[in-house]
C-alpha atoms as a PDB file:
ATOM      1  CA  UNK A   1     -27.855   5.517  27.415  1.00  0.00           C
ATOM      2  CA  UNK A   2     -26.519   5.628  30.985  1.00  0.00           C
ATOM      3  CA  UNK A   3     -23.978   8.271  30.045  1.00  0.00           C
ATOM      4  CA  UNK A   4     -26.783  10.665  29.044  1.00  0.00           C
ATOM      5  CA  UNK A   5     -28.559  10.111  32.347  1.00  0.00           C
ATOM      6  CA  UNK A   6     -25.287  10.576  34.206  1.00  0.00           C
ATOM      7  CA  UNK A   7     -24.580  13.860  32.443  1.00  0.00           C
ATOM      8  CA  UNK A   8     -28.106  15.109  33.198  1.00  0.00           C
ATOM      9  CA  UNK A   9     -27.786  14.127  36.860  1.00  0.00           C
ATOM     10  CA  UNK A  10     -24.319  15.709  36.996  1.00  0.00           C
ATOM     11  CA  UNK A  11     -25.733  19.001  35.693  1.00  0.00           C
ATOM     12  CA  UNK A  12     -28.489  18.955  38.307  1.00  0.00           C
ATOM     13  CA  UNK A  13     -26.025  18.115  41.084  1.00  0.00           C
ATOM     14  CA  UNK A  14     -23.748  20.881  39.836  1.00  0.00           C
ATOM     15  CA  UNK A  15     -26.647  23.336  40.082  1.00  0.00           C
ATOM     16  CA  UNK A  16     -27.321  22.070  43.599  1.00  0.00           C
ATOM     17  CA  UNK A  17     -23.666  22.594  44.554  1.00  0.00           C
ATOM     18  CA  UNK A  18     -23.790  26.090  43.038  1.00  0.00           C
ATOM     19  CA  UNK A  19     -26.782  26.936  45.253  1.00  0.00           C
ATOM     20  CA  UNK A  20     -24.726  25.714  48.219  1.00  0.00           C
ATOM     21  CA  UNK A  21     -21.768  27.890  47.263  1.00  0.00           C
ATOM     22  CA  UNK A  22     -24.073  30.887  46.904  1.00  0.00           C
ATOM     23  CA  UNK A  23     -25.491  30.210  50.367  1.00  0.00           C
ATOM     24  CA  UNK A  24     -22.004  30.050  51.881  1.00  0.00           C
ATOM     25  CA  UNK A  25     -20.698  33.133  50.084  1.00  0.00           C
ATOM     26  CA  UNK A  26     -23.682  35.471  50.295  1.00  0.00           C
ATOM     27  CA  UNK A  27     -26.308  33.895  52.547  1.00  0.00           C
ATOM     28  CA  UNK A  28     -28.747  33.677  49.617  1.00  0.00           C
ATOM     29  CA  UNK A  29     -31.183  30.755  49.667  1.00  0.00           C
ATOM     30  CA  UNK A  30     -33.817  29.480  47.296  1.00  0.00           C
ATOM     31  CA  UNK A  31     -37.204  31.041  48.121  1.00  0.00           C
ATOM     32  CA  UNK A  32     -38.798  27.851  49.472  1.00  0.00           C
ATOM     33  CA  UNK A  33     -35.892  27.322  51.900  1.00  0.00           C
ATOM     34  CA  UNK A  34     -35.824  30.793  53.428  1.00  0.00           C
ATOM     35  CA  UNK A  35     -38.537  30.292  56.016  1.00  0.00           C
ATOM     36  CA  UNK A  36     -37.174  27.181  57.708  1.00  0.00           C
ATOM     37  CA  UNK A  37     -33.394  27.553  57.247  1.00  0.00           C
ATOM     38  CA  UNK A  38     -31.918  29.508  60.129  1.00  0.00           C
ATOM     39  CA  UNK A  39     -28.216  29.283  59.169  1.00  0.00           C
ATOM     40  CA  UNK A  40     -27.714  29.583  55.399  1.00  0.00           C
ATOM     41  CA  UNK A  41     -23.933  29.089  55.442  1.00  0.00           C
ATOM     42  CA  UNK A  42     -24.241  25.786  57.296  1.00  0.00           C
ATOM     43  CA  UNK A  43     -26.924  24.694  54.842  1.00  0.00           C
ATOM     44  CA  UNK A  44     -24.581  25.619  51.985  1.00  0.00           C
ATOM     45  CA  UNK A  45     -21.712  23.540  53.353  1.00  0.00           C
ATOM     46  CA  UNK A  46     -24.058  20.596  53.789  1.00  0.00           C
ATOM     47  CA  UNK A  47     -25.399  20.961  50.259  1.00  0.00           C
ATOM     48  CA  UNK A  48     -21.921  21.078  48.738  1.00  0.00           C
ATOM     49  CA  UNK A  49     -20.877  17.968  50.686  1.00  0.00           C
ATOM     50  CA  UNK A  50     -24.059  16.091  49.823  1.00  0.00           C
ATOM     51  CA  UNK A  51     -24.042  16.898  46.123  1.00  0.00           C
ATOM     52  CA  UNK A  52     -20.303  16.229  45.860  1.00  0.00           C
ATOM     53  CA  UNK A  53     -20.732  12.832  47.499  1.00  0.00           C
ATOM     54  CA  UNK A  54     -23.568  11.830  45.183  1.00  0.00           C
ATOM     55  CA  UNK A  55     -21.639  13.098  42.162  1.00  0.00           C
ATOM     56  CA  UNK A  56     -18.522  11.128  43.092  1.00  0.00           C
ATOM     57  CA  UNK A  57     -20.541   8.017  43.829  1.00  0.00           C
ATOM     58  CA  UNK A  58     -22.313   8.280  40.520  1.00  0.00           C
ATOM     59  CA  UNK A  59     -19.162   8.949  38.499  1.00  0.00           C
ATOM     60  CA  UNK A  60     -16.984   6.110  39.729  1.00  0.00           C
ATOM     61  CA  UNK A  61     -19.855   3.658  39.336  1.00  0.00           C
ATOM     62  CA  UNK A  62     -20.847   4.731  35.836  1.00  0.00           C
ATOM     63  CA  UNK A  63     -17.502   5.338  34.214  1.00  0.00           C
ATOM     64  CA  UNK A  64     -15.450   2.603  35.933  1.00  0.00           C
ATOM     65  CA  UNK A  65     -12.508   4.809  36.888  1.00  0.00           C
ATOM     66  CA  UNK A  66     -10.931   2.308  39.288  1.00  0.00           C
ATOM     67  CA  UNK A  67     -10.554  -0.549  36.768  1.00  0.00           C
ATOM     68  CA  UNK A  68     -12.413  -2.992  39.028  1.00  0.00           C
ATOM     69  CA  UNK A  69      -9.971  -2.733  41.928  1.00  0.00           C
ATOM     70  CA  UNK A  70     -12.063  -3.902  44.902  1.00  0.00           C
ATOM     71  CA  UNK A  71     -10.053  -1.978  47.497  1.00  0.00           C
ATOM     72  CA  UNK A  72     -10.362   1.336  45.651  1.00  0.00           C
ATOM     73  CA  UNK A  73     -14.063   0.816  44.947  1.00  0.00           C
ATOM     74  CA  UNK A  74     -14.724   0.045  48.624  1.00  0.00           C
ATOM     75  CA  UNK A  75     -12.706   3.066  49.783  1.00  0.00           C
ATOM     76  CA  UNK A  76     -14.543   5.335  47.353  1.00  0.00           C
ATOM     77  CA  UNK A  77     -17.881   3.931  48.485  1.00  0.00           C
ATOM     78  CA  UNK A  78     -17.099   4.617  52.151  1.00  0.00           C
ATOM     79  CA  UNK A  79     -15.803   8.120  51.366  1.00  0.00           C
ATOM     80  CA  UNK A  80     -18.878   9.062  49.352  1.00  0.00           C
ATOM     81  CA  UNK A  81     -21.251   7.682  51.980  1.00  0.00           C
ATOM     82  CA  UNK A  82     -19.478   9.710  54.670  1.00  0.00           C
ATOM     83  CA  UNK A  83     -19.820  12.821  52.493  1.00  0.00           C
ATOM     84  CA  UNK A  84     -23.529  12.193  51.875  1.00  0.00           C
ATOM     85  CA  UNK A  85     -24.326  11.536  55.540  1.00  0.00           C
ATOM     86  CA  UNK A  86     -22.243  14.489  56.758  1.00  0.00           C
ATOM     87  CA  UNK A  87     -23.880  16.808  54.221  1.00  0.00           C
ATOM     88  CA  UNK A  88     -27.362  15.692  55.218  1.00  0.00           C
ATOM     89  CA  UNK A  89     -26.502  16.128  58.892  1.00  0.00           C
ATOM     90  CA  UNK A  90     -25.246  19.674  58.311  1.00  0.00           C
ATOM     91  CA  UNK A  91     -28.400  20.513  56.380  1.00  0.00           C
ATOM     92  CA  UNK A  92     -30.494  19.170  59.238  1.00  0.00           C
ATOM     93  CA  UNK A  93     -28.537  21.223  61.781  1.00  0.00           C
ATOM     94  CA  UNK A  94     -29.066  24.372  59.714  1.00  0.00           C
ATOM     95  CA  UNK A  95     -32.832  24.171  60.271  1.00  0.00           C
ATOM     96  CA  UNK A  96     -32.713  23.708  64.052  1.00  0.00           C
ATOM     97  CA  UNK A  97     -32.777  26.416  66.683  1.00  0.00           C
ATOM     98  CA  UNK A  98     -29.476  27.328  68.303  1.00  0.00           C
ATOM     99  CA  UNK A  99     -28.843  25.998  71.780  1.00  0.00           C
ATOM    100  CA  UNK A 100     -26.168  28.138  73.430  1.00  0.00           C
ATOM    101  CA  UNK A 101     -25.108  27.188  76.901  1.00  0.00           C
END
Protein backbone atom coordinates (compact mmCIF):
# COMPACT_ATOMS: atom_id res chain seq x y z
CA UNK A 1 0.00 0.00 0.00
CA UNK A 2 2.69 2.52 0.99
CA UNK A 3 4.73 1.68 -2.09
CA UNK A 4 1.86 2.82 -4.35
CA UNK A 5 1.58 6.11 -2.48
CA UNK A 6 5.34 6.54 -2.64
CA UNK A 7 5.40 5.97 -6.39
CA UNK A 8 2.55 8.46 -6.88
CA UNK A 9 4.31 11.06 -4.73
CA UNK A 10 7.59 10.38 -6.55
CA UNK A 11 5.90 11.04 -9.91
CA UNK A 12 4.47 14.32 -8.64
CA UNK A 13 7.82 15.37 -7.17
CA UNK A 14 9.49 14.42 -10.44
CA UNK A 15 7.06 16.68 -12.31
CA UNK A 16 7.84 19.45 -9.83
CA UNK A 17 11.58 18.99 -10.40
CA UNK A 18 10.99 19.03 -14.17
CA UNK A 19 9.21 22.40 -13.84
CA UNK A 20 12.25 23.63 -11.91
CA UNK A 21 14.64 22.44 -14.60
CA UNK A 22 12.52 24.15 -17.26
CA UNK A 23 12.63 27.38 -15.26
CA UNK A 24 16.42 27.22 -14.98
CA UNK A 25 17.00 26.30 -18.62
CA UNK A 26 14.47 28.52 -20.39
CA UNK A 27 12.93 30.89 -17.83
CA UNK A 28 9.50 29.31 -18.37
CA UNK A 29 7.18 29.25 -15.36
CA UNK A 30 3.75 27.84 -14.70
CA UNK A 31 1.07 30.45 -15.48
CA UNK A 32 0.04 31.06 -11.85
CA UNK A 33 3.67 31.75 -10.85
CA UNK A 34 4.50 34.28 -13.56
CA UNK A 35 3.08 37.35 -11.88
CA UNK A 36 4.88 37.11 -8.55
CA UNK A 37 8.15 35.35 -9.49
CA UNK A 38 10.76 37.91 -10.47
CA UNK A 39 13.73 35.54 -11.02
CA UNK A 40 12.65 32.28 -12.67
CA UNK A 41 16.09 30.63 -12.63
CA UNK A 42 16.43 31.11 -8.87
CA UNK A 43 12.93 29.71 -8.40
CA UNK A 44 13.93 26.71 -10.53
CA UNK A 45 17.02 25.97 -8.44
CA UNK A 46 14.94 26.20 -5.28
CA UNK A 47 12.28 23.89 -6.70
CA UNK A 48 14.83 21.27 -7.74
CA UNK A 49 16.45 21.36 -4.28
CA UNK A 50 13.11 21.22 -2.47
CA UNK A 51 11.64 18.39 -4.51
CA UNK A 52 14.91 16.44 -4.41
CA UNK A 53 15.05 16.75 -0.63
CA UNK A 54 11.48 15.56 -0.18
CA UNK A 55 12.04 12.71 -2.63
CA UNK A 56 15.18 11.54 -0.83
CA UNK A 57 13.51 11.83 2.55
CA UNK A 58 10.55 9.84 1.36
CA UNK A 59 12.62 7.13 -0.33
CA UNK A 60 14.99 6.27 2.49
CA UNK A 61 12.11 6.19 4.96
CA UNK A 62 9.81 4.02 2.86
CA UNK A 63 12.22 1.55 1.35
CA UNK A 64 14.68 1.19 4.26
CA UNK A 65 17.84 1.63 2.20
CA UNK A 66 20.16 2.11 5.18
CA UNK A 67 19.35 -1.20 6.92
CA UNK A 68 18.48 0.55 10.20
CA UNK A 69 21.91 2.12 10.68
CA UNK A 70 21.17 5.03 13.05
CA UNK A 71 24.15 7.12 11.93
CA UNK A 72 23.25 6.89 8.24
CA UNK A 73 19.57 7.58 8.90
CA UNK A 74 20.45 10.66 10.97
CA UNK A 75 22.89 11.94 8.34
CA UNK A 76 20.31 11.44 5.59
CA UNK A 77 17.68 13.21 7.67
CA UNK A 78 19.93 16.24 8.22
CA UNK A 79 20.93 16.34 4.54
CA UNK A 80 17.34 16.21 3.31
CA UNK A 81 16.21 18.86 5.78
CA UNK A 82 19.01 21.16 4.63
CA UNK A 83 17.94 20.59 1.01
CA UNK A 84 14.28 21.32 1.81
CA UNK A 85 15.03 24.48 3.79
CA UNK A 86 17.55 25.76 1.22
CA UNK A 87 15.12 25.11 -1.63
CA UNK A 88 12.31 26.93 0.15
CA UNK A 89 14.62 29.84 0.93
CA UNK A 90 15.68 30.14 -2.72
CA UNK A 91 12.04 30.08 -3.81
CA UNK A 92 11.26 32.83 -1.33
CA UNK A 93 14.17 34.94 -2.58
CA UNK A 94 12.97 34.55 -6.16
CA UNK A 95 9.76 36.45 -5.35
CA UNK A 96 11.41 39.42 -3.62
CA UNK A 97 12.54 42.64 -5.22
CA UNK A 98 16.25 43.03 -5.88
CA UNK A 99 18.20 45.22 -3.50
CA UNK A 100 21.41 46.33 -5.23
CA UNK A 101 23.76 48.49 -3.26
